[in-house]
Amino acid sequence: MNTKVSIAYLAGLALLVAAPTVIYPVLVMKVLCFALFACAFNLLLGYTGLLSFGHAIFLGTSAYVAGYVIKVLEFGPLAGIAVGTVAAGALGWVIGSLAIRRQGIYFAMITLALAQLMYFIYVQAPFTGGEDGLQGIARGSMFGIDLTNDLALYYVVVGFFAAAFWLIQRTIHSPFGQTLKAIRENEQRTISLGYDVDRYKLLAFVLSAAIAGLAGALKALLFGFATLGDIHWHTSGEVVLMTLLGGMGTVFGPVVGATVIVTLQTELSDKVGSLVSVIMGCIFVFCVLVFRRGIVGEGVALYKRMIGEKVH
């Protein structure tokens, strides 16, 4: 990370440490889970140029697997999180291997089709609980920490989020990340330079799926259940909205977008009910028409204009 990003990262981490004193910890943990999900999606869309319409399948798969490992196999939460994350990454490799054979809208449609196929498999699979979901996932303890305490779980979630966010940023600013950006800007030129583009895209897809899986496992541990809503196409649409609203291809954009969307859904669901979806749709249209770069993207562009730097 560069100096400015590092300072912002440390400042954000300090705010997260202090947040439970003024904000309900469960709400912040929910925001962090979806923020991590959005960051994983942004690695694929914002930095590699691959639009997945079925990314919720990795969130939900990890939630189910982690819940099964914890509840049925009676392993600890750390094992559940680890196995769930690996399962999501493995599924990402399978789906990614098929999807990267096509580009553009065809890539997006393949991811959506395969995600829907997995959705109907999970509806029928006995270990998922069908429409009832997998209930009663115990938090247990990790490293001697009693996770039944919301505050204790909060700092564990913050730790996982901080580590995963750091990994994403290290990836973005590494030679591997620079190659992903080159693929996003001009794939044919990148191929002409001798890079195995399909290999890079597959690695990016697997990494994005695994991090999305980590978010799903943490979410299952937080709420104690995994449901079909976690793998529904609507959840895949929400993560697209979070990324675009915050700022696609920006470091902190997905975090801001997830914070806005999750907070609005939480605060408005009891007041307006099903109209929440209409409000989210209006926000999406407004963002596309007015904030083309997203909240963070427009803020960065404004800052660059103020200091006289060229805005791309």
Protein backbone atom coordinates (compact mmCIF):
# COMPACT_ATOMS: atom_id res chain seq x y z
CA MET A 1 0.00 0.00 0.00
CA ASN A 2 1.12 3.57 -0.58
CA THR A 3 1.49 6.00 2.33
CA LYS A 4 -1.95 7.62 1.97
CA VAL A 5 -3.72 4.29 1.78
CA SER A 6 -1.74 2.97 4.76
CA ILE A 7 -2.71 5.98 6.86
CA ALA A 8 -6.37 5.60 5.87
CA TYR A 9 -6.17 1.86 6.63
CA LEU A 10 -4.76 2.46 10.12
CA ALA A 11 -7.28 5.24 10.79
CA GLY A 12 -10.14 2.98 9.74
CA LEU A 13 -8.81 0.18 11.92
CA ALA A 14 -8.67 2.54 14.89
CA LEU A 15 -12.28 3.58 14.26
CA LEU A 16 -13.36 -0.06 14.12
CA VAL A 17 -11.67 -0.77 17.45
CA ALA A 18 -13.58 2.13 19.05
CA ALA A 19 -16.88 1.61 17.19
CA PRO A 20 -18.60 -0.71 19.76
CA THR A 21 -18.64 2.12 22.28
CA VAL A 22 -21.14 4.06 20.15
CA ILE A 23 -22.64 1.57 17.67
CA TYR A 24 -24.36 -1.78 18.18
CA PRO A 25 -21.57 -4.37 17.53
CA VAL A 26 -23.81 -6.81 15.63
CA LEU A 27 -24.69 -4.11 13.08
CA VAL A 28 -21.01 -3.26 12.55
CA MET A 29 -20.16 -6.95 12.16
CA LYS A 30 -22.88 -7.34 9.54
CA VAL A 31 -21.48 -4.34 7.70
CA LEU A 32 -17.96 -5.80 7.85
CA CYS A 33 -19.12 -9.15 6.44
CA PHE A 34 -20.77 -7.50 3.46
CA ALA A 35 -17.91 -5.01 3.09
CA LEU A 36 -15.50 -7.94 2.80
CA PHE A 37 -17.84 -9.57 0.28
CA ALA A 38 -17.90 -6.33 -1.75
CA CYS A 39 -14.10 -5.97 -1.57
CA ALA A 40 -13.74 -9.52 -2.92
CA PHE A 41 -16.15 -8.73 -5.75
CA ASN A 42 -14.33 -5.47 -6.48
CA LEU A 43 -11.06 -7.38 -6.90
CA LEU A 44 -12.73 -9.24 -9.75
CA LEU A 45 -14.76 -6.44 -11.36
CA GLY A 46 -12.87 -3.27 -10.46
CA TYR A 47 -9.33 -4.55 -11.01
CA THR A 48 -9.72 -7.43 -13.47
CA GLY A 49 -12.75 -6.27 -15.43
CA LEU A 50 -14.76 -9.47 -14.91
CA LEU A 51 -18.43 -9.03 -14.03
CA SER A 52 -19.84 -11.97 -12.08
CA PHE A 53 -23.63 -12.13 -11.65
CA GLY A 54 -23.43 -15.17 -9.38
CA HIS A 55 -20.93 -14.21 -6.70
CA ALA A 56 -23.38 -14.89 -3.87
CA ILE A 57 -22.89 -18.62 -4.48
CA PHE A 58 -19.47 -18.37 -2.84
CA LEU A 59 -20.82 -16.42 0.13
CA GLY A 60 -23.60 -18.97 0.64
CA THR A 61 -21.52 -22.08 -0.01
CA SER A 62 -19.03 -21.10 2.65
CA ALA A 63 -21.84 -20.26 5.08
CA TYR A 64 -23.39 -23.72 4.60
CA VAL A 65 -20.09 -25.59 4.77
CA ALA A 66 -18.87 -23.67 7.81
CA GLY A 67 -22.22 -24.22 9.53
CA TYR A 68 -22.16 -27.94 8.74
CA VAL A 69 -18.60 -28.35 10.03
CA ILE A 70 -19.45 -26.51 13.26
CA LYS A 71 -22.92 -27.91 13.95
CA VAL A 72 -22.91 -31.45 12.54
CA LEU A 73 -19.23 -32.44 12.58
CA GLU A 74 -18.80 -30.54 15.87
CA PHE A 75 -15.50 -28.92 15.01
CA GLY A 76 -14.66 -25.46 16.31
CA PRO A 77 -15.49 -22.18 14.58
CA LEU A 78 -11.91 -21.74 13.33
CA ALA A 79 -12.12 -25.07 11.48
CA GLY A 80 -15.53 -24.10 10.12
CA ILE A 81 -14.25 -20.77 8.80
CA ALA A 82 -11.18 -22.39 7.27
CA VAL A 83 -13.07 -25.24 5.57
CA GLY A 84 -15.81 -22.88 4.37
CA THR A 85 -13.26 -20.52 2.84
CA VAL A 86 -11.42 -23.38 1.11
CA ALA A 87 -14.73 -24.79 -0.19
CA ALA A 88 -15.65 -21.42 -1.69
CA GLY A 89 -12.23 -21.14 -3.31
CA ALA A 90 -12.53 -24.66 -4.75
CA LEU A 91 -15.98 -23.88 -6.16
CA GLY A 92 -14.51 -20.67 -7.55
CA TRP A 93 -11.88 -22.71 -9.38
CA VAL A 94 -14.56 -24.95 -10.93
CA ILE A 95 -16.87 -22.11 -11.98
CA GLY A 96 -14.00 -19.84 -12.99
CA SER A 97 -12.44 -22.55 -15.19
CA LEU A 98 -15.67 -22.66 -17.19
CA ALA A 99 -16.52 -18.95 -17.16
CA ILE A 100 -13.16 -17.52 -18.27
CA ARG A 101 -13.57 -19.29 -21.61
CA ARG A 102 -15.88 -16.41 -22.56
CA GLN A 103 -15.71 -12.63 -22.22
CA GLY A 104 -18.03 -9.74 -21.47
CA ILE A 105 -21.73 -10.41 -21.08
CA TYR A 106 -21.21 -14.09 -21.91
CA PHE A 107 -18.89 -14.44 -18.90
CA ALA A 108 -21.50 -12.77 -16.69
CA MET A 109 -24.29 -15.01 -17.98
CA ILE A 110 -22.24 -18.18 -17.39
CA THR A 111 -21.59 -17.18 -13.78
CA LEU A 112 -25.29 -16.45 -13.28
CA ALA A 113 -26.37 -19.74 -14.87
CA LEU A 114 -23.93 -21.82 -12.81
CA ALA A 115 -24.90 -19.98 -9.63
CA GLN A 116 -28.58 -20.69 -10.29
CA LEU A 117 -27.73 -24.34 -10.93
CA MET A 118 -25.98 -24.50 -7.55
CA TYR A 119 -28.93 -22.71 -5.96
CA PHE A 120 -31.36 -25.45 -7.01
CA ILE A 121 -28.89 -28.11 -5.87
CA TYR A 122 -28.79 -26.49 -2.44
CA VAL A 123 -32.59 -26.34 -2.32
CA GLN A 124 -32.66 -30.15 -2.60
CA ALA A 125 -29.47 -31.02 -0.70
CA PRO A 126 -30.22 -32.58 2.72
CA PHE A 127 -27.35 -30.89 4.57
CA THR A 128 -28.60 -27.36 3.78
CA GLY A 129 -31.99 -27.76 5.42
CA GLY A 130 -33.75 -26.71 2.20
CA GLU A 131 -36.02 -23.70 2.58
CA ASP A 132 -35.62 -23.79 6.37
CA GLY A 133 -31.88 -23.26 6.12
CA LEU A 134 -29.16 -24.53 8.42
CA GLN A 135 -30.12 -23.33 11.90
CA GLY A 136 -28.44 -23.43 15.30
CA ILE A 137 -24.82 -22.82 14.33
CA ALA A 138 -23.04 -22.39 17.66
CA ARG A 139 -20.39 -19.70 18.02
CA GLY A 140 -18.29 -21.71 20.48
CA SER A 141 -14.82 -20.42 21.27
CA MET A 142 -11.67 -19.57 19.34
CA PHE A 143 -8.16 -19.22 20.78
CA GLY A 144 -9.72 -19.43 24.22
CA ILE A 145 -12.09 -16.52 23.44
CA ASP A 146 -15.79 -17.06 24.19
CA LEU A 147 -17.52 -16.01 20.97
CA THR A 148 -20.98 -16.09 22.52
CA ASN A 149 -20.08 -12.62 23.79
CA ASP A 150 -20.91 -10.13 21.02
CA LEU A 151 -17.98 -7.88 21.87
CA ALA A 152 -15.49 -10.76 21.80
CA LEU A 153 -16.83 -11.95 18.44
CA TYR A 154 -16.70 -8.39 17.17
CA TYR A 155 -12.94 -8.10 17.61
CA VAL A 156 -12.42 -11.53 16.03
CA VAL A 157 -14.43 -10.40 12.98
CA VAL A 158 -12.46 -7.14 12.86
CA GLY A 159 -9.23 -9.15 12.91
CA PHE A 160 -10.33 -11.36 10.00
CA PHE A 161 -11.58 -8.34 8.06
CA ALA A 162 -8.35 -6.38 8.59
CA ALA A 163 -6.21 -9.34 7.49
CA ALA A 164 -8.32 -10.03 4.38
CA PHE A 165 -8.47 -6.33 3.45
CA TRP A 166 -4.67 -6.11 3.79
CA LEU A 167 -4.30 -9.19 1.56
CA ILE A 168 -6.53 -7.63 -1.11
CA GLN A 169 -4.56 -4.39 -1.10
CA ARG A 170 -1.22 -6.22 -1.22
CA THR A 171 -2.56 -8.17 -4.19
CA ILE A 172 -3.70 -5.03 -5.98
CA HIS A 173 -0.33 -3.30 -5.60
CA SER A 174 1.75 -6.37 -6.45
CA PRO A 175 3.07 -7.28 -9.93
CA PHE A 176 0.19 -9.77 -10.09
CA GLY A 177 -2.27 -6.95 -9.42
CA GLN A 178 -0.68 -4.73 -12.04
CA THR A 179 -1.12 -7.53 -14.56
CA LEU A 180 -4.79 -7.79 -13.62
CA LYS A 181 -5.18 -4.07 -14.29
CA ALA A 182 -3.49 -4.50 -17.66
CA ILE A 183 -5.97 -7.26 -18.52
CA ARG A 184 -8.83 -4.96 -17.53
CA GLU A 185 -7.54 -2.11 -19.70
CA ASN A 186 -6.50 -4.08 -22.79
CA GLU A 187 -6.60 -7.85 -22.72
CA GLN A 188 -5.31 -8.34 -26.26
CA ARG A 189 -2.25 -6.18 -25.61
CA THR A 190 -1.55 -8.12 -22.41
CA ILE A 191 -1.69 -11.37 -24.39
CA SER A 192 0.69 -9.93 -26.98
CA LEU A 193 3.19 -9.21 -24.18
CA GLY A 194 3.34 -12.91 -23.43
CA TYR A 195 1.12 -13.20 -20.35
CA ASP A 196 -1.10 -16.23 -19.81
CA VAL A 197 -4.24 -14.15 -19.39
CA ASP A 198 -6.57 -17.06 -18.65
CA ARG A 199 -4.33 -18.19 -15.80
CA TYR A 200 -4.31 -14.71 -14.25
CA LYS A 201 -8.08 -14.37 -14.56
CA LEU A 202 -8.63 -17.79 -12.99
CA LEU A 203 -6.33 -16.97 -10.06
CA ALA A 204 -8.16 -13.67 -9.52
CA PHE A 205 -11.51 -15.48 -9.65
CA VAL A 206 -10.42 -18.11 -7.11
CA LEU A 207 -8.98 -15.48 -4.73
CA SER A 208 -12.15 -13.40 -5.00
CA ALA A 209 -14.32 -16.48 -4.36
CA ALA A 210 -12.25 -17.51 -1.32
CA ILE A 211 -12.45 -14.06 0.27
CA ALA A 212 -16.19 -13.94 -0.43
CA GLY A 213 -16.33 -17.34 1.27
CA LEU A 214 -14.56 -15.96 4.32
CA ALA A 215 -17.26 -13.27 4.51
CA GLY A 216 -19.97 -15.94 4.28
CA ALA A 217 -18.43 -18.08 7.03
CA LEU A 218 -18.15 -15.08 9.36
CA LYS A 219 -21.76 -14.12 8.60
CA ALA A 220 -22.98 -17.65 9.43
CA LEU A 221 -21.03 -17.58 12.69
CA LEU A 222 -22.43 -14.15 13.56
CA PHE A 223 -26.12 -14.95 13.05
CA GLY A 224 -26.03 -18.67 13.77
CA PHE A 225 -27.68 -19.76 10.52
CA ALA A 226 -27.23 -20.05 6.75
CA THR A 227 -30.20 -19.71 4.40
CA LEU A 228 -31.04 -19.78 0.70
CA GLY A 229 -31.04 -15.98 0.78
CA ASP A 230 -27.25 -16.11 1.08
CA ILE A 231 -26.93 -17.74 -2.36
CA HIS A 232 -29.87 -16.09 -4.11
CA TRP A 233 -29.25 -13.98 -7.23
CA HIS A 234 -30.66 -10.99 -5.33
CA THR A 235 -27.61 -11.09 -3.04
CA SER A 236 -25.36 -11.13 -6.11
CA GLY A 237 -27.17 -8.02 -7.32
CA GLU A 238 -26.70 -6.30 -3.97
CA VAL A 239 -22.94 -6.73 -4.05
CA VAL A 240 -22.85 -5.17 -7.53
CA LEU A 241 -24.81 -2.21 -6.13
CA MET A 242 -22.46 -1.89 -3.15
CA THR A 243 -19.40 -1.85 -5.39
CA LEU A 244 -20.80 0.65 -7.89
CA LEU A 245 -22.22 2.92 -5.19
CA GLY A 246 -18.95 3.07 -3.26
CA GLY A 247 -16.68 3.25 -6.27
CA MET A 248 -15.60 0.40 -8.54
CA GLY A 249 -11.84 0.01 -8.74
CA THR A 250 -11.16 2.07 -5.61
CA VAL A 251 -9.57 0.83 -2.41
CA PHE A 252 -12.25 1.86 0.07
CA GLY A 253 -15.23 2.19 -2.27
CA PRO A 254 -16.75 -1.26 -1.58
CA VAL A 255 -16.49 -0.66 2.17
CA VAL A 256 -18.36 2.64 1.87
CA GLY A 257 -20.96 1.14 -0.47
CA ALA A 258 -21.59 -1.83 1.82
CA THR A 259 -21.88 0.47 4.83
CA VAL A 260 -24.50 2.63 3.12
CA ILE A 261 -26.57 -0.27 1.75
CA VAL A 262 -26.54 -2.45 4.89
CA THR A 263 -27.28 0.51 7.17
CA LEU A 264 -30.18 1.67 5.01
CA GLN A 265 -31.62 -1.84 4.80
CA THR A 266 -31.36 -2.30 8.57
CA GLU A 267 -32.85 1.07 9.43
CA LEU A 268 -35.60 1.08 6.80
CA SER A 269 -36.76 -2.54 6.79
CA ASP A 270 -38.98 -2.08 9.85
CA LYS A 271 -40.33 1.25 8.61
CA VAL A 272 -41.08 0.69 4.93
CA GLY A 273 -40.99 -3.11 4.58
CA SER A 274 -40.73 -4.37 1.02
CA LEU A 275 -40.28 -0.82 -0.28
CA VAL A 276 -36.62 -1.16 0.72
CA SER A 277 -35.97 -2.83 -2.64
CA VAL A 278 -37.56 0.11 -4.45
CA ILE A 279 -35.40 2.55 -2.50
CA MET A 280 -32.28 0.52 -3.31
CA GLY A 281 -33.23 0.59 -6.98
CA CYS A 282 -33.65 4.38 -6.90
CA ILE A 283 -30.26 4.74 -5.23
CA PHE A 284 -28.70 2.59 -7.96
CA VAL A 285 -30.25 4.70 -10.74
CA PHE A 286 -29.17 7.92 -9.02
CA CYS A 287 -25.63 6.59 -8.60
CA VAL A 288 -25.35 5.58 -12.26
CA LEU A 289 -26.67 8.94 -13.48
CA VAL A 290 -24.93 11.31 -11.04
CA PHE A 291 -22.03 9.50 -9.35
CA ARG A 292 -20.54 7.58 -12.26
CA ARG A 293 -17.37 6.85 -10.29
CA GLY A 294 -19.19 6.09 -7.04
CA ILE A 295 -18.96 7.98 -3.75
CA VAL A 296 -15.26 7.36 -3.17
CA GLY A 297 -14.41 7.60 -6.87
CA GLU A 298 -16.03 11.04 -7.17
CA GLY A 299 -14.31 12.16 -3.96
CA VAL A 300 -10.92 11.11 -5.32
CA ALA A 301 -11.63 12.83 -8.65
CA LEU A 302 -12.64 16.04 -6.85
CA TYR A 303 -9.45 15.94 -4.76
CA LYS A 304 -7.31 15.49 -7.87
CA ARG A 305 -9.02 18.44 -9.56
CA MET A 306 -8.37 20.57 -6.50
CA ILE A 307 -4.63 19.82 -6.56
CA GLY A 308 -4.47 20.16 -10.34
CA GLU A 309 -3.81 16.50 -11.12
CA LYS A 310 -5.22 15.03 -14.30
CA VAL A 311 -8.35 12.91 -13.76
CA HIS A 312 -8.72 9.84 -15.99
